[in-house]
Amino acid sequence: MRGTARRPFAEKGESFLGAHQLPTTKDTHVKADGSNKDNVQWFAGEAGKHLRFLPGVSNVLTRIGNSEGGFKGVLEGAATGYFNTVKGAAEGVIGGPHDGPGQSGLPPL
């Protein structure tokens, strides 16, 4: 394929093919829709997988890895990952004492 033929597929993935199917792959540079991740997305996604013990960092990096690509996509992915981390922490703090004695790990009041 020449550059002009590859571009629609790289941008749209499998939807560009219509009824045709792509073979499955375990290549981590390939998204589920068949389009390719750029190196920043790939690196961030892989780092996010390996840093699960740091939830905030992992969420941000994983979202960058799953983003649409480009500078705007990276920023949106990072913001979504950060928001989900803050939201999860807030739900844990707010929801903890209301679970009842013994449920939250805190002694009864």
PDB file of N, CA and C in Angstrom:
ATOM      1  N   MET A   1       0.834  -1.189   0.000  1.00  0.00           N
ATOM      2  CA  MET A   1       0.000   0.000   0.000  1.00  0.00           C
ATOM      3  C   MET A   1       0.872   1.243   0.000  1.00  0.00           C
ATOM      4  N   ARG A   2       0.489   2.170  -0.770  1.00  0.00           N
ATOM      5  CA  ARG A   2       1.157   3.463  -0.774  1.00  0.00           C
ATOM      6  C   ARG A   2       0.603   4.308   0.360  1.00  0.00           C
ATOM      7  N   GLY A   3       1.221   5.436   0.653  1.00  0.00           N
ATOM      8  CA  GLY A   3       0.822   6.299   1.760  1.00  0.00           C
ATOM      9  C   GLY A   3      -0.630   6.717   1.721  1.00  0.00           C
ATOM     10  N   THR A   4      -1.147   7.026   0.528  1.00  0.00           N
ATOM     11  CA  THR A   4      -2.541   7.488   0.439  1.00  0.00           C
ATOM     12  C   THR A   4      -3.524   6.365   0.729  1.00  0.00           C
ATOM     13  N   ALA A   5      -3.166   5.135   0.428  1.00  0.00           N
ATOM     14  CA  ALA A   5      -4.059   4.010   0.701  1.00  0.00           C
ATOM     15  C   ALA A   5      -4.006   3.616   2.172  1.00  0.00           C
ATOM     16  N   ARG A   6      -2.876   3.795   2.818  1.00  0.00           N
ATOM     17  CA  ARG A   6      -2.741   3.416   4.231  1.00  0.00           C
ATOM     18  C   ARG A   6      -3.384   4.426   5.166  1.00  0.00           C
ATOM     19  N   ARG A   7      -3.415   5.671   4.774  1.00  0.00           N
ATOM     20  CA  ARG A   7      -3.886   6.711   5.687  1.00  0.00           C
ATOM     21  C   ARG A   7      -5.320   6.487   6.167  1.00  0.00           C
ATOM     22  N   PRO A   8      -6.309   6.240   5.280  1.00  0.00           N
ATOM     23  CA  PRO A   8      -7.672   6.012   5.793  1.00  0.00           C
ATOM     24  C   PRO A   8      -7.746   4.823   6.742  1.00  0.00           C
ATOM     25  N   PHE A   9      -6.996   3.769   6.453  1.00  0.00           N
ATOM     26  CA  PHE A   9      -7.026   2.609   7.330  1.00  0.00           C
ATOM     27  C   PHE A   9      -6.383   2.923   8.670  1.00  0.00           C
ATOM     28  N   ALA A  10      -5.277   3.639   8.661  1.00  0.00           N
ATOM     29  CA  ALA A  10      -4.607   3.987   9.915  1.00  0.00           C
ATOM     30  C   ALA A  10      -5.478   4.870  10.779  1.00  0.00           C
ATOM     31  N   GLU A  11      -6.286   5.721  10.158  1.00  0.00           N
ATOM     32  CA  GLU A  11      -7.142   6.624  10.921  1.00  0.00           C
ATOM     33  C   GLU A  11      -8.455   5.971  11.342  1.00  0.00           C
ATOM     34  N   LYS A  12      -9.017   5.105  10.515  1.00  0.00           N
ATOM     35  CA  LYS A  12     -10.344   4.547  10.792  1.00  0.00           C
ATOM     36  C   LYS A  12     -10.315   3.097  11.249  1.00  0.00           C
ATOM     37  N   GLY A  13      -9.195   2.424  11.076  1.00  0.00           N
ATOM     38  CA  GLY A  13      -9.097   1.037  11.501  1.00  0.00           C
ATOM     39  C   GLY A  13      -9.986   0.124  10.691  1.00  0.00           C
ATOM     40  N   GLU A  14     -10.545  -0.909  11.348  1.00  0.00           N
ATOM     41  CA  GLU A  14     -11.344  -1.917  10.664  1.00  0.00           C
ATOM     42  C   GLU A  14     -12.579  -1.350   9.990  1.00  0.00           C
ATOM     43  N   SER A  15     -13.128  -0.257  10.490  1.00  0.00           N
ATOM     44  CA  SER A  15     -14.334   0.304   9.878  1.00  0.00           C
ATOM     45  C   SER A  15     -14.084   0.717   8.434  1.00  0.00           C
ATOM     46  N   PHE A  16     -12.842   0.992   8.062  1.00  0.00           N
ATOM     47  CA  PHE A  16     -12.487   1.347   6.690  1.00  0.00           C
ATOM     48  C   PHE A  16     -12.698   0.161   5.755  1.00  0.00           C
ATOM     49  N   LEU A  17     -12.560  -1.065   6.259  1.00  0.00           N
ATOM     50  CA  LEU A  17     -12.654  -2.251   5.418  1.00  0.00           C
ATOM     51  C   LEU A  17     -14.080  -2.663   5.110  1.00  0.00           C
ATOM     52  N   GLY A  18     -15.032  -2.193   5.876  1.00  0.00           N
ATOM     53  CA  GLY A  18     -16.415  -2.601   5.659  1.00  0.00           C
ATOM     54  C   GLY A  18     -16.638  -4.027   6.124  1.00  0.00           C
ATOM     55  N   ALA A  19     -17.069  -4.897   5.213  1.00  0.00           N
ATOM     56  CA  ALA A  19     -17.407  -6.278   5.566  1.00  0.00           C
ATOM     57  C   ALA A  19     -16.189  -7.176   5.702  1.00  0.00           C
ATOM     58  N   HIS A  20     -15.035  -6.754   5.249  1.00  0.00           N
ATOM     59  CA  HIS A  20     -13.824  -7.573   5.341  1.00  0.00           C
ATOM     60  C   HIS A  20     -13.329  -7.637   6.786  1.00  0.00           C
ATOM     61  N   GLN A  21     -12.645  -8.711   7.108  1.00  0.00           N
ATOM     62  CA  GLN A  21     -12.117  -8.901   8.457  1.00  0.00           C
ATOM     63  C   GLN A  21     -10.588  -8.903   8.428  1.00  0.00           C
ATOM     64  N   LEU A  22     -10.003  -8.370   9.461  1.00  0.00           N
ATOM     65  CA  LEU A  22      -8.559  -8.455   9.643  1.00  0.00           C
ATOM     66  C   LEU A  22      -8.238  -9.674  10.488  1.00  0.00           C
ATOM     67  N   PRO A  23      -7.083 -10.271  10.289  1.00  0.00           N
ATOM     68  CA  PRO A  23      -6.693 -11.357  11.194  1.00  0.00           C
ATOM     69  C   PRO A  23      -6.416 -10.791  12.584  1.00  0.00           C
ATOM     70  N   THR A  24      -6.595 -11.620  13.598  1.00  0.00           N
ATOM     71  CA  THR A  24      -6.322 -11.167  14.962  1.00  0.00           C
ATOM     72  C   THR A  24      -4.818 -11.103  15.187  1.00  0.00           C
ATOM     73  N   THR A  25      -4.417 -10.260  16.135  1.00  0.00           N
ATOM     74  CA  THR A  25      -3.003 -10.100  16.438  1.00  0.00           C
ATOM     75  C   THR A  25      -2.830  -9.830  17.919  1.00  0.00           C
ATOM     76  N   LYS A  26      -1.685 -10.149  18.430  1.00  0.00           N
ATOM     77  CA  LYS A  26      -1.343  -9.835  19.817  1.00  0.00           C
ATOM     78  C   LYS A  26      -0.361  -8.674  19.877  1.00  0.00           C
ATOM     79  N   ASP A  27      -0.158  -8.000  18.756  1.00  0.00           N
ATOM     80  CA  ASP A  27       0.747  -6.852  18.687  1.00  0.00           C
ATOM     81  C   ASP A  27       0.185  -5.727  19.548  1.00  0.00           C
ATOM     82  N   THR A  28       0.954  -5.263  20.529  1.00  0.00           N
ATOM     83  CA  THR A  28       0.468  -4.239  21.448  1.00  0.00           C
ATOM     84  C   THR A  28       0.401  -2.860  20.819  1.00  0.00           C
ATOM     85  N   HIS A  29       0.935  -2.682  19.615  1.00  0.00           N
ATOM     86  CA  HIS A  29       0.829  -1.403  18.908  1.00  0.00           C
ATOM     87  C   HIS A  29      -0.490  -1.284  18.146  1.00  0.00           C
ATOM     88  N   VAL A  30      -1.288  -2.348  18.119  1.00  0.00           N
ATOM     89  CA  VAL A  30      -2.536  -2.358  17.360  1.00  0.00           C
ATOM     90  C   VAL A  30      -3.714  -2.246  18.323  1.00  0.00           C
ATOM     91  N   LYS A  31      -4.605  -1.267  18.066  1.00  0.00           N
ATOM     92  CA  LYS A  31      -5.812  -1.101  18.883  1.00  0.00           C
ATOM     93  C   LYS A  31      -6.836  -2.165  18.516  1.00  0.00           C
ATOM     94  N   ALA A  32      -7.883  -2.278  19.315  1.00  0.00           N
ATOM     95  CA  ALA A  32      -8.929  -3.270  19.079  1.00  0.00           C
ATOM     96  C   ALA A  32      -9.618  -3.063  17.730  1.00  0.00           C
ATOM     97  N   ASP A  33      -9.702  -1.814  17.262  1.00  0.00           N
ATOM     98  CA  ASP A  33     -10.361  -1.551  15.977  1.00  0.00           C
ATOM     99  C   ASP A  33      -9.435  -1.743  14.778  1.00  0.00           C
ATOM    100  N   GLY A  34      -8.176  -2.139  15.029  1.00  0.00           N
ATOM    101  CA  GLY A  34      -7.237  -2.403  13.949  1.00  0.00           C
ATOM    102  C   GLY A  34      -6.324  -1.240  13.617  1.00  0.00           C
ATOM    103  N   SER A  35      -6.592  -0.062  14.164  1.00  0.00           N
ATOM    104  CA  SER A  35      -5.715   1.078  13.901  1.00  0.00           C
ATOM    105  C   SER A  35      -4.468   0.984  14.783  1.00  0.00           C
ATOM    106  N   ASN A  36      -3.443   1.705  14.410  1.00  0.00           N
ATOM    107  CA  ASN A  36      -2.169   1.650  15.132  1.00  0.00           C
ATOM    108  C   ASN A  36      -2.067   2.732  16.176  1.00  0.00           C
ATOM    109  N   LYS A  37      -1.420   2.394  17.298  1.00  0.00           N
ATOM    110  CA  LYS A  37      -1.077   3.387  18.315  1.00  0.00           C
ATOM    111  C   LYS A  37       0.254   4.011  17.921  1.00  0.00           C
ATOM    112  N   ASP A  38       0.410   5.297  18.213  1.00  0.00           N
ATOM    113  CA  ASP A  38       1.739   5.865  18.010  1.00  0.00           C
ATOM    114  C   ASP A  38       2.612   5.465  19.198  1.00  0.00           C
ATOM    115  N   ASN A  39       3.892   5.766  19.132  1.00  0.00           N
ATOM    116  CA  ASN A  39       4.818   5.299  20.173  1.00  0.00           C
ATOM    117  C   ASN A  39       4.521   5.884  21.546  1.00  0.00           C
ATOM    118  N   VAL A  40       4.047   7.129  21.604  1.00  0.00           N
ATOM    119  CA  VAL A  40       3.713   7.735  22.898  1.00  0.00           C
ATOM    120  C   VAL A  40       2.548   6.989  23.531  1.00  0.00           C
ATOM    121  N   GLN A  41       1.510   6.714  22.731  1.00  0.00           N
ATOM    122  CA  GLN A  41       0.365   5.969  23.247  1.00  0.00           C
ATOM    123  C   GLN A  41       0.790   4.583  23.719  1.00  0.00           C
ATOM    124  N   TRP A  42       1.562   3.903  22.909  1.00  0.00           N
ATOM    125  CA  TRP A  42       1.973   2.550  23.249  1.00  0.00           C
ATOM    126  C   TRP A  42       2.775   2.542  24.543  1.00  0.00           C
ATOM    127  N   PHE A  43       3.774   3.425  24.651  1.00  0.00           N
ATOM    128  CA  PHE A  43       4.622   3.467  25.834  1.00  0.00           C
ATOM    129  C   PHE A  43       3.802   3.789  27.081  1.00  0.00           C
ATOM    130  N   ALA A  44       2.902   4.778  26.982  1.00  0.00           N
ATOM    131  CA  ALA A  44       2.082   5.153  28.135  1.00  0.00           C
ATOM    132  C   ALA A  44       1.191   3.997  28.568  1.00  0.00           C
ATOM    133  N   GLY A  45       0.578   3.308  27.612  1.00  0.00           N
ATOM    134  CA  GLY A  45      -0.289   2.178  27.945  1.00  0.00           C
ATOM    135  C   GLY A  45       0.461   1.046  28.606  1.00  0.00           C
ATOM    136  N   GLU A  46       1.645   0.726  28.079  1.00  0.00           N
ATOM    137  CA  GLU A  46       2.450  -0.343  28.669  1.00  0.00           C
ATOM    138  C   GLU A  46       2.942   0.052  30.066  1.00  0.00           C
ATOM    139  N   ALA A  47       3.359   1.299  30.231  1.00  0.00           N
ATOM    140  CA  ALA A  47       3.801   1.768  31.548  1.00  0.00           C
ATOM    141  C   ALA A  47       2.640   1.725  32.535  1.00  0.00           C
ATOM    142  N   GLY A  48       1.441   2.114  32.094  1.00  0.00           N
ATOM    143  CA  GLY A  48       0.262   2.067  32.952  1.00  0.00           C
ATOM    144  C   GLY A  48      -0.055   0.659  33.427  1.00  0.00           C
ATOM    145  N   LYS A  49       0.126  -0.332  32.548  1.00  0.00           N
ATOM    146  CA  LYS A  49      -0.106  -1.733  32.936  1.00  0.00           C
ATOM    147  C   LYS A  49       0.872  -2.174  34.020  1.00  0.00           C
ATOM    148  N   HIS A  50       2.111  -1.739  33.904  1.00  0.00           N
ATOM    149  CA  HIS A  50       3.144  -2.183  34.842  1.00  0.00           C
ATOM    150  C   HIS A  50       3.182  -1.374  36.134  1.00  0.00           C
ATOM    151  N   LEU A  51       2.461  -0.267  36.190  1.00  0.00           N
ATOM    152  CA  LEU A  51       2.455   0.577  37.390  1.00  0.00           C
ATOM    153  C   LEU A  51       1.110   0.517  38.117  1.00  0.00           C
ATOM    154  N   ARG A  52       0.455  -0.630  38.105  1.00  0.00           N
ATOM    155  CA  ARG A  52      -0.849  -0.792  38.765  1.00  0.00           C
ATOM    156  C   ARG A  52      -0.780  -0.476  40.255  1.00  0.00           C
ATOM    157  N   PHE A  53       0.368  -0.626  40.865  1.00  0.00           N
ATOM    158  CA  PHE A  53       0.509  -0.357  42.295  1.00  0.00           C
ATOM    159  C   PHE A  53       0.483   1.138  42.603  1.00  0.00           C
ATOM    160  N   LEU A  54       0.514   1.996  41.587  1.00  0.00           N
ATOM    161  CA  LEU A  54       0.352   3.450  41.725  1.00  0.00           C
ATOM    162  C   LEU A  54      -0.906   3.853  40.962  1.00  0.00           C
ATOM    163  N   PRO A  55      -2.090   3.721  41.582  1.00  0.00           N
ATOM    164  CA  PRO A  55      -3.343   3.879  40.851  1.00  0.00           C
ATOM    165  C   PRO A  55      -3.478   5.189  40.074  1.00  0.00           C
ATOM    166  N   GLY A  56      -3.098   6.315  40.650  1.00  0.00           N
ATOM    167  CA  GLY A  56      -3.246   7.593  39.941  1.00  0.00           C
ATOM    168  C   GLY A  56      -2.400   7.640  38.691  1.00  0.00           C
ATOM    169  N   VAL A  57      -1.142   7.254  38.811  1.00  0.00           N
ATOM    170  CA  VAL A  57      -0.227   7.249  37.663  1.00  0.00           C
ATOM    171  C   VAL A  57      -0.699   6.226  36.634  1.00  0.00           C
ATOM    172  N   SER A  58      -1.081   5.061  37.103  1.00  0.00           N
ATOM    173  CA  SER A  58      -1.538   3.998  36.211  1.00  0.00           C
ATOM    174  C   SER A  58      -2.781   4.426  35.426  1.00  0.00           C
ATOM    175  N   ASN A  59      -3.754   5.041  36.098  1.00  0.00           N
ATOM    176  CA  ASN A  59      -4.974   5.478  35.409  1.00  0.00           C
ATOM    177  C   ASN A  59      -4.672   6.494  34.318  1.00  0.00           C
ATOM    178  N   VAL A  60      -3.838   7.471  34.630  1.00  0.00           N
ATOM    179  CA  VAL A  60      -3.504   8.507  33.649  1.00  0.00           C
ATOM    180  C   VAL A  60      -2.779   7.890  32.457  1.00  0.00           C
ATOM    181  N   LEU A  61      -1.769   7.061  32.717  1.00  0.00           N
ATOM    182  CA  LEU A  61      -0.999   6.465  31.624  1.00  0.00           C
ATOM    183  C   LEU A  61      -1.839   5.508  30.783  1.00  0.00           C
ATOM    184  N   THR A  62      -2.696   4.724  31.428  1.00  0.00           N
ATOM    185  CA  THR A  62      -3.547   3.793  30.692  1.00  0.00           C
ATOM    186  C   THR A  62      -4.518   4.550  29.794  1.00  0.00           C
ATOM    187  N   ARG A  63      -5.080   5.646  30.296  1.00  0.00           N
ATOM    188  CA  ARG A  63      -5.991   6.447  29.472  1.00  0.00           C
ATOM    189  C   ARG A  63      -5.270   7.090  28.301  1.00  0.00           C
ATOM    190  N   ILE A  64      -4.035   7.524  28.508  1.00  0.00           N
ATOM    191  CA  ILE A  64      -3.251   8.061  27.391  1.00  0.00           C
ATOM    192  C   ILE A  64      -3.035   6.951  26.357  1.00  0.00           C
ATOM    193  N   GLY A  65      -2.729   5.761  26.835  1.00  0.00           N
ATOM    194  CA  GLY A  65      -2.522   4.629  25.932  1.00  0.00           C
ATOM    195  C   GLY A  65      -3.750   4.261  25.141  1.00  0.00           C
ATOM    196  N   ASN A  66      -4.926   4.490  25.691  1.00  0.00           N
ATOM    197  CA  ASN A  66      -6.178   4.167  24.999  1.00  0.00           C
ATOM    198  C   ASN A  66      -6.773   5.354  24.261  1.00  0.00           C
ATOM    199  N   SER A  67      -6.071   6.477  24.246  1.00  0.00           N
ATOM    200  CA  SER A  67      -6.616   7.693  23.618  1.00  0.00           C
ATOM    201  C   SER A  67      -6.570   7.605  22.099  1.00  0.00           C
ATOM    202  N   GLU A  68      -7.190   8.582  21.467  1.00  0.00           N
ATOM    203  CA  GLU A  68      -7.259   8.630  20.012  1.00  0.00           C
ATOM    204  C   GLU A  68      -5.935   8.994  19.369  1.00  0.00           C
ATOM    205  N   GLY A  69      -5.000   9.488  20.116  1.00  0.00           N
ATOM    206  CA  GLY A  69      -3.716   9.888  19.554  1.00  0.00           C
ATOM    207  C   GLY A  69      -3.679  11.374  19.281  1.00  0.00           C
ATOM    208  N   GLY A  70      -2.539  11.864  18.911  1.00  0.00           N
ATOM    209  CA  GLY A  70      -2.368  13.290  18.727  1.00  0.00           C
ATOM    210  C   GLY A  70      -2.302  13.988  20.070  1.00  0.00           C
ATOM    211  N   PHE A  71      -1.899  15.226  20.039  1.00  0.00           N
ATOM    212  CA  PHE A  71      -1.717  15.980  21.283  1.00  0.00           C
ATOM    213  C   PHE A  71      -3.034  16.150  22.038  1.00  0.00           C
ATOM    214  N   LYS A  72      -4.098  16.460  21.316  1.00  0.00           N
ATOM    215  CA  LYS A  72      -5.409  16.651  21.952  1.00  0.00           C
ATOM    216  C   LYS A  72      -5.897  15.344  22.594  1.00  0.00           C
ATOM    217  N   GLY A  73      -5.739  14.230  21.892  1.00  0.00           N
ATOM    218  CA  GLY A  73      -6.161  12.941  22.436  1.00  0.00           C
ATOM    219  C   GLY A  73      -5.395  12.553  23.684  1.00  0.00           C
ATOM    220  N   VAL A  74      -4.091  12.859  23.691  1.00  0.00           N
ATOM    221  CA  VAL A  74      -3.264  12.558  24.860  1.00  0.00           C
ATOM    222  C   VAL A  74      -3.734  13.378  26.055  1.00  0.00           C
ATOM    223  N   LEU A  75      -3.997  14.674  25.833  1.00  0.00           N
ATOM    224  CA  LEU A  75      -4.473  15.520  26.936  1.00  0.00           C
ATOM    225  C   LEU A  75      -5.826  15.069  27.445  1.00  0.00           C
ATOM    226  N   GLU A  76      -6.736  14.715  26.537  1.00  0.00           N
ATOM    227  CA  GLU A  76      -8.059  14.239  26.957  1.00  0.00           C
ATOM    228  C   GLU A  76      -7.943  12.929  27.737  1.00  0.00           C
ATOM    229  N   GLY A  77      -7.091  12.018  27.267  1.00  0.00           N
ATOM    230  CA  GLY A  77      -6.895  10.754  27.973  1.00  0.00           C
ATOM    231  C   GLY A  77      -6.315  10.956  29.362  1.00  0.00           C
ATOM    232  N   ALA A  78      -5.326  11.842  29.461  1.00  0.00           N
ATOM    233  CA  ALA A  78      -4.711  12.124  30.762  1.00  0.00           C
ATOM    234  C   ALA A  78      -5.728  12.753  31.707  1.00  0.00           C
ATOM    235  N   ALA A  79      -6.523  13.696  31.205  1.00  0.00           N
ATOM    236  CA  ALA A  79      -7.529  14.357  32.044  1.00  0.00           C
ATOM    237  C   ALA A  79      -8.580  13.362  32.520  1.00  0.00           C
ATOM    238  N   THR A  80      -9.012  12.471  31.645  1.00  0.00           N
ATOM    239  CA  THR A  80     -10.010  11.473  32.026  1.00  0.00           C
ATOM    240  C   THR A  80      -9.450  10.528  33.086  1.00  0.00           C
ATOM    241  N   GLY A  81      -8.205  10.085  32.905  1.00  0.00           N
ATOM    242  CA  GLY A  81      -7.576   9.211  33.900  1.00  0.00           C
ATOM    243  C   GLY A  81      -7.437   9.888  35.252  1.00  0.00           C
ATOM    244  N   TYR A  82      -7.034  11.158  35.241  1.00  0.00           N
ATOM    245  CA  TYR A  82      -6.889  11.913  36.488  1.00  0.00           C
ATOM    246  C   TYR A  82      -8.253  12.088  37.161  1.00  0.00           C
ATOM    247  N   PHE A  83      -9.274  12.454  36.379  1.00  0.00           N
ATOM    248  CA  PHE A  83     -10.617  12.646  36.925  1.00  0.00           C
ATOM    249  C   PHE A  83     -11.142  11.348  37.546  1.00  0.00           C
ATOM    250  N   ASN A  84     -10.938  10.226  36.868  1.00  0.00           N
ATOM    251  CA  ASN A  84     -11.409   8.942  37.415  1.00  0.00           C
ATOM    252  C   ASN A  84     -10.690   8.582  38.715  1.00  0.00           C
ATOM    253  N   THR A  85      -9.417   8.931  38.810  1.00  0.00           N
ATOM    254  CA  THR A  85      -8.669   8.669  40.049  1.00  0.00           C
ATOM    255  C   THR A  85      -9.211   9.509  41.188  1.00  0.00           C
ATOM    256  N   VAL A  86      -9.416  10.797  40.951  1.00  0.00           N
ATOM    257  CA  VAL A  86      -9.943  11.696  41.985  1.00  0.00           C
ATOM    258  C   VAL A  86     -11.353  11.282  42.381  1.00  0.00           C
ATOM    259  N   LYS A  87     -12.165  10.926  41.393  1.00  0.00           N
ATOM    260  CA  LYS A  87     -13.540  10.503  41.653  1.00  0.00           C
ATOM    261  C   LYS A  87     -13.559   9.239  42.514  1.00  0.00           C
ATOM    262  N   GLY A  88     -12.698   8.271  42.182  1.00  0.00           N
ATOM    263  CA  GLY A  88     -12.633   7.035  42.971  1.00  0.00           C
ATOM    264  C   GLY A  88     -12.179   7.287  44.394  1.00  0.00           C
ATOM    265  N   ALA A  89     -11.210   8.182  44.557  1.00  0.00           N
ATOM    266  CA  ALA A  89     -10.735   8.512  45.903  1.00  0.00           C
ATOM    267  C   ALA A  89     -11.828   9.208  46.700  1.00  0.00           C
ATOM    268  N   ALA A  90     -12.549  10.125  46.066  1.00  0.00           N
ATOM    269  CA  ALA A  90     -13.621  10.844  46.759  1.00  0.00           C
ATOM    270  C   ALA A  90     -14.750   9.894  47.149  1.00  0.00           C
ATOM    271  N   GLU A  91     -15.094   8.977  46.274  1.00  0.00           N
ATOM    272  CA  GLU A  91     -16.149   8.011  46.599  1.00  0.00           C
ATOM    273  C   GLU A  91     -15.723   7.113  47.756  1.00  0.00           C
ATOM    274  N   GLY A  92     -14.443   6.778  47.820  1.00  0.00           N
ATOM    275  CA  GLY A  92     -13.948   5.960  48.929  1.00  0.00           C
ATOM    276  C   GLY A  92     -13.992   6.693  50.246  1.00  0.00           C
ATOM    277  N   VAL A  93     -13.648   7.975  50.230  1.00  0.00           N
ATOM    278  CA  VAL A  93     -13.661   8.776  51.462  1.00  0.00           C
ATOM    279  C   VAL A  93     -15.085   9.044  51.906  1.00  0.00           C
ATOM    280  N   ILE A  94     -15.950   9.420  50.977  1.00  0.00           N
ATOM    281  CA  ILE A  94     -17.340   9.758  51.324  1.00  0.00           C
ATOM    282  C   ILE A  94     -18.122   8.503  51.676  1.00  0.00           C
ATOM    283  N   GLY A  95     -17.918   7.420  50.916  1.00  0.00           N
ATOM    284  CA  GLY A  95     -18.697   6.205  51.123  1.00  0.00           C
ATOM    285  C   GLY A  95     -18.243   5.377  52.304  1.00  0.00           C
ATOM    286  N   GLY A  96     -17.013   5.545  52.774  1.00  0.00           N
ATOM    287  CA  GLY A  96     -16.459   4.712  53.833  1.00  0.00           C
ATOM    288  C   GLY A  96     -17.250   4.698  55.120  1.00  0.00           C
ATOM    289  N   PRO A  97     -17.449   5.838  55.801  1.00  0.00           N
ATOM    290  CA  PRO A  97     -18.124   5.823  57.098  1.00  0.00           C
ATOM    291  C   PRO A  97     -19.601   5.457  57.031  1.00  0.00           C
ATOM    292  N   HIS A  98     -20.223   5.537  55.873  1.00  0.00           N
ATOM    293  CA  HIS A  98     -21.655   5.260  55.762  1.00  0.00           C
ATOM    294  C   HIS A  98     -21.957   3.786  55.548  1.00  0.00           C
ATOM    295  N   ASP A  99     -20.924   2.970  55.482  1.00  0.00           N
ATOM    296  CA  ASP A  99     -21.137   1.554  55.237  1.00  0.00           C
ATOM    297  C   ASP A  99     -21.614   0.824  56.487  1.00  0.00           C
ATOM    298  N   GLY A 100     -21.477   1.424  57.621  1.00  0.00           N
ATOM    299  CA  GLY A 100     -21.899   0.783  58.865  1.00  0.00           C
ATOM    300  C   GLY A 100     -20.714   0.203  59.601  1.00  0.00           C
ATOM    301  N   PRO A 101     -20.921  -0.209  60.848  1.00  0.00           N
ATOM    302  CA  PRO A 101     -19.815  -0.731  61.654  1.00  0.00           C
ATOM    303  C   PRO A 101     -19.218  -1.983  61.028  1.00  0.00           C
ATOM    304  N   GLY A 102     -17.911  -2.008  60.982  1.00  0.00           N
ATOM    305  CA  GLY A 102     -17.216  -3.175  60.482  1.00  0.00           C
ATOM    306  C   GLY A 102     -17.101  -3.259  58.974  1.00  0.00           C
ATOM    307  N   GLN A 103     -17.886  -2.493  58.259  1.00  0.00           N
ATOM    308  CA  GLN A 103     -17.858  -2.570  56.802  1.00  0.00           C
ATOM    309  C   GLN A 103     -16.724  -1.761  56.200  1.00  0.00           C
ATOM    310  N   SER A 104     -16.414  -0.619  56.777  1.00  0.00           N
ATOM    311  CA  SER A 104     -15.408   0.260  56.202  1.00  0.00           C
ATOM    312  C   SER A 104     -14.030   0.016  56.787  1.00  0.00           C
ATOM    313  N   GLY A 105     -13.921  -0.846  57.752  1.00  0.00           N
ATOM    314  CA  GLY A 105     -12.635  -1.065  58.403  1.00  0.00           C
ATOM    315  C   GLY A 105     -12.405  -0.098  59.550  1.00  0.00           C
ATOM    316  N   LEU A 106     -13.332   0.834  59.756  1.00  0.00           N
ATOM    317  CA  LEU A 106     -13.220   1.800  60.867  1.00  0.00           C
ATOM    318  C   LEU A 106     -14.023   1.273  62.046  1.00  0.00           C
ATOM    319  N   PRO A 107     -13.610   1.601  63.262  1.00  0.00           N
ATOM    320  CA  PRO A 107     -14.404   1.173  64.421  1.00  0.00           C
ATOM    321  C   PRO A 107     -15.729   1.923  64.435  1.00  0.00           C
ATOM    322  N   PRO A 108     -16.774   1.325  65.016  1.00  0.00           N
ATOM    323  CA  PRO A 108     -18.077   1.998  65.088  1.00  0.00           C
ATOM    324  C   PRO A 108     -17.975   3.305  65.873  1.00  0.00           C
ATOM    325  N   LEU A 109     -18.777   4.287  65.459  1.00  0.00           N
ATOM    326  CA  LEU A 109     -18.784   5.583  66.144  1.00  0.00           C
ATOM    327  C   LEU A 109     -19.614   5.543  67.411  1.00  0.00           C
TER     328      LEU A 109
END
